[in-house]
Amino acid sequence: MIVSSSHTPSPHQAAIVELQAFVRSERDSRQVKKALAVKLIYQDYSYNAVVEILDVSLGSLSGWRRAYEIYGLAGFKPNHKGRQSYLNPDQRSAVLRWLQSKSIWTLDELEYHLAETYDVAYESKQSYYDLFEAAGISWKKTSKVNPKRDAEAVAAKKSRSSASWRAIAPISRQGE
């Protein structure tokens, strides 16, 4: 017995299956949102309904659909390249060599060096810490050698500390 159906399959059925699999497996929520939007459009949701459901702009929907139709799933990948570095690769290499040539470093000194030599001043301290890390330097380190390993250094530190701090007799209060 042959049963005819008045429902014809969507011309986008293969794309819908591909998009559904992508939505289930992709971890980047931005890409998932784009794929879901295109999938809903292919499932005959109106553009206005998708705008309302996903809280996105009409222009974004058109762009995402066009990107998918031209590039496939790769069209959902973010196309931003990140922010341009203040230092070009040669300057960065020079700064890393300069840091590696020193035995003691300070953040202030690095900031001054970059400002004077390259006219660069980062907004975030993290950019300076990243340079220290790239040079193989832990910015959390306070000295090259741990003084606890050197008994003389520990004794010298204690003597400096004891010269600065000393115990005094407690002040007695009358009537207590």
C-alpha atoms as a PDB file:
ATOM      1  CA  MET A   1       0.000   0.000   0.000  1.00  0.00           C
ATOM      2  CA  ILE A   2       1.435   3.382  -0.999  1.00  0.00           C
ATOM      3  CA  VAL A   3       0.551   6.338   1.162  1.00  0.00           C
ATOM      4  CA  SER A   4       0.931   9.726  -0.363  1.00  0.00           C
ATOM      5  CA  SER A   5       1.722  12.657   1.761  1.00  0.00           C
ATOM      6  CA  SER A   6       0.767  16.219   1.070  1.00  0.00           C
ATOM      7  CA  HIS A   7       3.877  17.296   2.978  1.00  0.00           C
ATOM      8  CA  THR A   8       6.868  17.699   0.710  1.00  0.00           C
ATOM      9  CA  PRO A   9      10.324  17.503   2.222  1.00  0.00           C
ATOM     10  CA  SER A  10      12.116  20.797   2.726  1.00  0.00           C
ATOM     11  CA  PRO A  11      14.705  21.636   0.076  1.00  0.00           C
ATOM     12  CA  HIS A  12      16.967  22.431   3.005  1.00  0.00           C
ATOM     13  CA  GLN A  13      16.543  19.045   4.742  1.00  0.00           C
ATOM     14  CA  ALA A  14      20.235  18.068   4.423  1.00  0.00           C
ATOM     15  CA  ALA A  15      21.299  21.478   5.712  1.00  0.00           C
ATOM     16  CA  ILE A  16      18.878  21.213   8.645  1.00  0.00           C
ATOM     17  CA  VAL A  17      20.381  17.833   9.621  1.00  0.00           C
ATOM     18  CA  GLU A  18      23.912  19.258   9.318  1.00  0.00           C
ATOM     19  CA  LEU A  19      23.007  22.331  11.377  1.00  0.00           C
ATOM     20  CA  GLN A  20      21.303  20.246  14.082  1.00  0.00           C
ATOM     21  CA  ALA A  21      24.416  18.062  14.443  1.00  0.00           C
ATOM     22  CA  PHE A  22      26.570  21.193  14.635  1.00  0.00           C
ATOM     23  CA  VAL A  23      24.329  22.733  17.315  1.00  0.00           C
ATOM     24  CA  ARG A  24      24.597  19.557  19.408  1.00  0.00           C
ATOM     25  CA  SER A  25      28.375  19.277  19.142  1.00  0.00           C
ATOM     26  CA  GLU A  26      29.687  22.863  19.069  1.00  0.00           C
ATOM     27  CA  ARG A  27      30.833  24.404  22.366  1.00  0.00           C
ATOM     28  CA  ASP A  28      31.083  28.045  21.249  1.00  0.00           C
ATOM     29  CA  SER A  29      27.703  29.558  22.082  1.00  0.00           C
ATOM     30  CA  ARG A  30      28.128  32.335  19.492  1.00  0.00           C
ATOM     31  CA  GLN A  31      28.489  29.795  16.688  1.00  0.00           C
ATOM     32  CA  VAL A  32      25.598  27.727  18.059  1.00  0.00           C
ATOM     33  CA  LYS A  33      23.335  30.788  18.030  1.00  0.00           C
ATOM     34  CA  LYS A  34      24.201  31.495  14.382  1.00  0.00           C
ATOM     35  CA  ALA A  35      23.611  27.874  13.347  1.00  0.00           C
ATOM     36  CA  LEU A  36      20.343  27.722  15.261  1.00  0.00           C
ATOM     37  CA  ALA A  37      19.152  30.909  13.580  1.00  0.00           C
ATOM     38  CA  VAL A  38      19.861  29.545  10.106  1.00  0.00           C
ATOM     39  CA  LYS A  39      18.272  26.207  11.024  1.00  0.00           C
ATOM     40  CA  LEU A  40      15.084  27.950  12.161  1.00  0.00           C
ATOM     41  CA  ILE A  41      14.944  29.966   8.938  1.00  0.00           C
ATOM     42  CA  TYR A  42      15.356  26.747   6.924  1.00  0.00           C
ATOM     43  CA  GLN A  43      12.531  25.228   8.991  1.00  0.00           C
ATOM     44  CA  ASP A  44      10.271  27.985   7.632  1.00  0.00           C
ATOM     45  CA  TYR A  45      10.219  30.196  10.717  1.00  0.00           C
ATOM     46  CA  SER A  46       9.773  33.808   9.690  1.00  0.00           C
ATOM     47  CA  TYR A  47      12.714  36.147  10.090  1.00  0.00           C
ATOM     48  CA  ASN A  48      10.694  38.157  12.597  1.00  0.00           C
ATOM     49  CA  ALA A  49       9.991  35.029  14.662  1.00  0.00           C
ATOM     50  CA  VAL A  50      13.705  34.139  14.744  1.00  0.00           C
ATOM     51  CA  VAL A  51      14.581  37.715  15.717  1.00  0.00           C
ATOM     52  CA  GLU A  52      12.109  37.444  18.594  1.00  0.00           C
ATOM     53  CA  ILE A  53      13.172  33.924  19.678  1.00  0.00           C
ATOM     54  CA  LEU A  54      16.945  34.528  19.643  1.00  0.00           C
ATOM     55  CA  ASP A  55      16.929  38.273  20.403  1.00  0.00           C
ATOM     56  CA  VAL A  56      19.142  39.127  17.418  1.00  0.00           C
ATOM     57  CA  SER A  57      18.918  41.710  14.660  1.00  0.00           C
ATOM     58  CA  LEU A  58      17.437  41.113  11.239  1.00  0.00           C
ATOM     59  CA  GLY A  59      20.745  42.136   9.655  1.00  0.00           C
ATOM     60  CA  SER A  60      22.611  39.516  11.654  1.00  0.00           C
ATOM     61  CA  LEU A  61      20.220  36.802  10.473  1.00  0.00           C
ATOM     62  CA  SER A  62      20.709  37.721   6.835  1.00  0.00           C
ATOM     63  CA  GLY A  63      24.480  37.810   7.266  1.00  0.00           C
ATOM     64  CA  TRP A  64      24.600  34.454   9.037  1.00  0.00           C
ATOM     65  CA  ARG A  65      22.422  32.779   6.394  1.00  0.00           C
ATOM     66  CA  ARG A  66      24.537  34.236   3.586  1.00  0.00           C
ATOM     67  CA  ALA A  67      27.768  33.159   5.343  1.00  0.00           C
ATOM     68  CA  TYR A  68      26.437  29.611   5.769  1.00  0.00           C
ATOM     69  CA  GLU A  69      25.316  29.398   2.152  1.00  0.00           C
ATOM     70  CA  ILE A  70      28.726  30.579   0.909  1.00  0.00           C
ATOM     71  CA  TYR A  71      31.137  28.965   3.425  1.00  0.00           C
ATOM     72  CA  GLY A  72      29.114  26.226   5.093  1.00  0.00           C
ATOM     73  CA  LEU A  73      29.692  25.665   8.816  1.00  0.00           C
ATOM     74  CA  ALA A  74      32.994  27.572   8.591  1.00  0.00           C
ATOM     75  CA  GLY A  75      30.889  30.702   7.993  1.00  0.00           C
ATOM     76  CA  PHE A  76      29.907  30.662  11.667  1.00  0.00           C
ATOM     77  CA  LYS A  77      33.461  31.015  12.966  1.00  0.00           C
ATOM     78  CA  PRO A  78      34.246  34.432  14.451  1.00  0.00           C
ATOM     79  CA  ASN A  79      36.104  36.491  11.884  1.00  0.00           C
ATOM     80  CA  HIS A  80      37.752  38.913  14.275  1.00  0.00           C
ATOM     81  CA  LYS A  81      41.516  38.790  14.401  1.00  0.00           C
ATOM     82  CA  GLY A  82      41.939  40.316  17.846  1.00  0.00           C
ATOM     83  CA  ARG A  83      43.458  43.639  18.689  1.00  0.00           C
ATOM     84  CA  GLN A  84      46.610  44.780  16.916  1.00  0.00           C
ATOM     85  CA  SER A  85      49.640  44.531  19.183  1.00  0.00           C
ATOM     86  CA  TYR A  86      51.350  47.757  20.168  1.00  0.00           C
ATOM     87  CA  LEU A  87      54.737  46.174  19.483  1.00  0.00           C
ATOM     88  CA  ASN A  88      55.552  44.746  16.084  1.00  0.00           C
ATOM     89  CA  PRO A  89      57.228  41.286  16.071  1.00  0.00           C
ATOM     90  CA  ASP A  90      60.764  42.728  15.813  1.00  0.00           C
ATOM     91  CA  GLN A  91      60.176  45.136  18.686  1.00  0.00           C
ATOM     92  CA  ARG A  92      58.651  42.361  20.821  1.00  0.00           C
ATOM     93  CA  SER A  93      61.695  40.155  20.184  1.00  0.00           C
ATOM     94  CA  ALA A  94      64.001  43.024  21.147  1.00  0.00           C
ATOM     95  CA  VAL A  95      62.063  43.594  24.389  1.00  0.00           C
ATOM     96  CA  LEU A  96      62.200  39.875  25.246  1.00  0.00           C
ATOM     97  CA  ARG A  97      65.987  39.809  24.606  1.00  0.00           C
ATOM     98  CA  TRP A  98      66.370  42.927  26.787  1.00  0.00           C
ATOM     99  CA  LEU A  99      64.392  41.292  29.610  1.00  0.00           C
ATOM    100  CA  GLN A 100      66.376  38.063  29.331  1.00  0.00           C
ATOM    101  CA  SER A 101      69.675  39.973  29.529  1.00  0.00           C
ATOM    102  CA  LYS A 102      68.838  41.437  32.940  1.00  0.00           C
ATOM    103  CA  SER A 103      69.182  39.746  36.305  1.00  0.00           C
ATOM    104  CA  ILE A 104      66.613  41.866  38.183  1.00  0.00           C
ATOM    105  CA  TRP A 105      63.375  43.257  36.788  1.00  0.00           C
ATOM    106  CA  THR A 106      60.661  45.602  37.934  1.00  0.00           C
ATOM    107  CA  LEU A 107      57.341  46.342  36.347  1.00  0.00           C
ATOM    108  CA  ASP A 108      58.027  50.087  36.519  1.00  0.00           C
ATOM    109  CA  GLU A 109      61.307  49.612  34.671  1.00  0.00           C
ATOM    110  CA  LEU A 110      59.595  47.627  31.891  1.00  0.00           C
ATOM    111  CA  GLU A 111      56.855  50.266  31.606  1.00  0.00           C
ATOM    112  CA  TYR A 112      59.471  53.024  31.368  1.00  0.00           C
ATOM    113  CA  HIS A 113      61.567  51.100  28.814  1.00  0.00           C
ATOM    114  CA  LEU A 114      58.566  50.507  26.533  1.00  0.00           C
ATOM    115  CA  ALA A 115      57.396  54.120  26.813  1.00  0.00           C
ATOM    116  CA  GLU A 116      60.822  55.632  26.129  1.00  0.00           C
ATOM    117  CA  THR A 117      62.072  53.198  23.489  1.00  0.00           C
ATOM    118  CA  TYR A 118      58.885  52.318  21.596  1.00  0.00           C
ATOM    119  CA  ASP A 119      56.357  54.971  22.714  1.00  0.00           C
ATOM    120  CA  VAL A 120      54.132  52.149  24.012  1.00  0.00           C
ATOM    121  CA  ALA A 121      52.021  52.327  27.168  1.00  0.00           C
ATOM    122  CA  TYR A 122      49.628  49.442  27.769  1.00  0.00           C
ATOM    123  CA  GLU A 123      46.257  50.065  29.400  1.00  0.00           C
ATOM    124  CA  SER A 124      46.396  46.819  31.356  1.00  0.00           C
ATOM    125  CA  LYS A 125      49.193  45.546  33.588  1.00  0.00           C
ATOM    126  CA  GLN A 126      48.450  42.089  32.175  1.00  0.00           C
ATOM    127  CA  SER A 127      50.174  43.066  28.921  1.00  0.00           C
ATOM    128  CA  TYR A 128      53.404  43.681  30.835  1.00  0.00           C
ATOM    129  CA  TYR A 129      53.015  40.420  32.760  1.00  0.00           C
ATOM    130  CA  ASP A 130      52.551  38.619  29.433  1.00  0.00           C
ATOM    131  CA  LEU A 131      55.890  40.024  28.240  1.00  0.00           C
ATOM    132  CA  PHE A 132      57.592  38.809  31.423  1.00  0.00           C
ATOM    133  CA  GLU A 133      56.072  35.367  30.914  1.00  0.00           C
ATOM    134  CA  ALA A 134      57.112  35.256  27.236  1.00  0.00           C
ATOM    135  CA  ALA A 135      60.672  36.039  28.353  1.00  0.00           C
ATOM    136  CA  GLY A 136      60.544  33.103  30.774  1.00  0.00           C
ATOM    137  CA  ILE A 137      60.358  35.322  33.843  1.00  0.00           C
ATOM    138  CA  SER A 138      57.887  34.816  36.662  1.00  0.00           C
ATOM    139  CA  TRP A 139      56.812  38.282  37.693  1.00  0.00           C
ATOM    140  CA  LYS A 140      55.790  36.919  41.076  1.00  0.00           C
ATOM    141  CA  LYS A 141      59.383  36.051  41.908  1.00  0.00           C
ATOM    142  CA  THR A 142      60.917  38.517  44.366  1.00  0.00           C
ATOM    143  CA  SER A 143      64.505  37.318  44.271  1.00  0.00           C
ATOM    144  CA  LYS A 144      66.648  35.153  42.065  1.00  0.00           C
ATOM    145  CA  VAL A 145      67.576  32.746  44.852  1.00  0.00           C
ATOM    146  CA  ASN A 146      65.326  31.623  47.673  1.00  0.00           C
ATOM    147  CA  PRO A 147      66.930  33.030  50.855  1.00  0.00           C
ATOM    148  CA  LYS A 148      65.578  30.121  52.905  1.00  0.00           C
ATOM    149  CA  ARG A 149      68.102  27.876  51.173  1.00  0.00           C
ATOM    150  CA  ASP A 150      71.029  30.038  52.288  1.00  0.00           C
ATOM    151  CA  ALA A 151      71.453  30.083  56.065  1.00  0.00           C
ATOM    152  CA  GLU A 152      73.603  33.248  55.958  1.00  0.00           C
ATOM    153  CA  ALA A 153      71.028  35.133  53.901  1.00  0.00           C
ATOM    154  CA  VAL A 154      68.276  34.092  56.304  1.00  0.00           C
ATOM    155  CA  ALA A 155      70.354  35.235  59.293  1.00  0.00           C
ATOM    156  CA  ALA A 156      71.129  38.560  57.567  1.00  0.00           C
ATOM    157  CA  LYS A 157      67.456  39.115  56.853  1.00  0.00           C
ATOM    158  CA  LYS A 158      66.562  38.335  60.456  1.00  0.00           C
ATOM    159  CA  SER A 159      69.136  40.783  61.737  1.00  0.00           C
ATOM    160  CA  ARG A 160      67.776  43.524  59.457  1.00  0.00           C
ATOM    161  CA  SER A 161      64.260  42.760  60.632  1.00  0.00           C
ATOM    162  CA  SER A 162      65.212  42.747  64.299  1.00  0.00           C
ATOM    163  CA  ALA A 163      66.837  46.153  63.886  1.00  0.00           C
ATOM    164  CA  SER A 164      63.556  47.522  62.606  1.00  0.00           C
ATOM    165  CA  TRP A 165      61.181  45.834  65.026  1.00  0.00           C
ATOM    166  CA  ARG A 166      61.606  45.191  68.682  1.00  0.00           C
ATOM    167  CA  ALA A 167      59.381  44.032  71.454  1.00  0.00           C
ATOM    168  CA  ILE A 168      58.365  46.509  74.101  1.00  0.00           C
ATOM    169  CA  ALA A 169      56.909  45.930  77.513  1.00  0.00           C
ATOM    170  CA  PRO A 170      53.135  46.045  77.559  1.00  0.00           C
ATOM    171  CA  ILE A 171      51.640  49.226  78.918  1.00  0.00           C
ATOM    172  CA  SER A 172      49.798  48.596  82.152  1.00  0.00           C
ATOM    173  CA  ARG A 173      46.484  50.304  82.618  1.00  0.00           C
ATOM    174  CA  GLN A 174      45.483  51.632  85.981  1.00  0.00           C
ATOM    175  CA  GLY A 175      42.451  50.148  87.533  1.00  0.00           C
ATOM    176  CA  GLU A 176      42.680  46.800  85.799  1.00  0.00           C
END
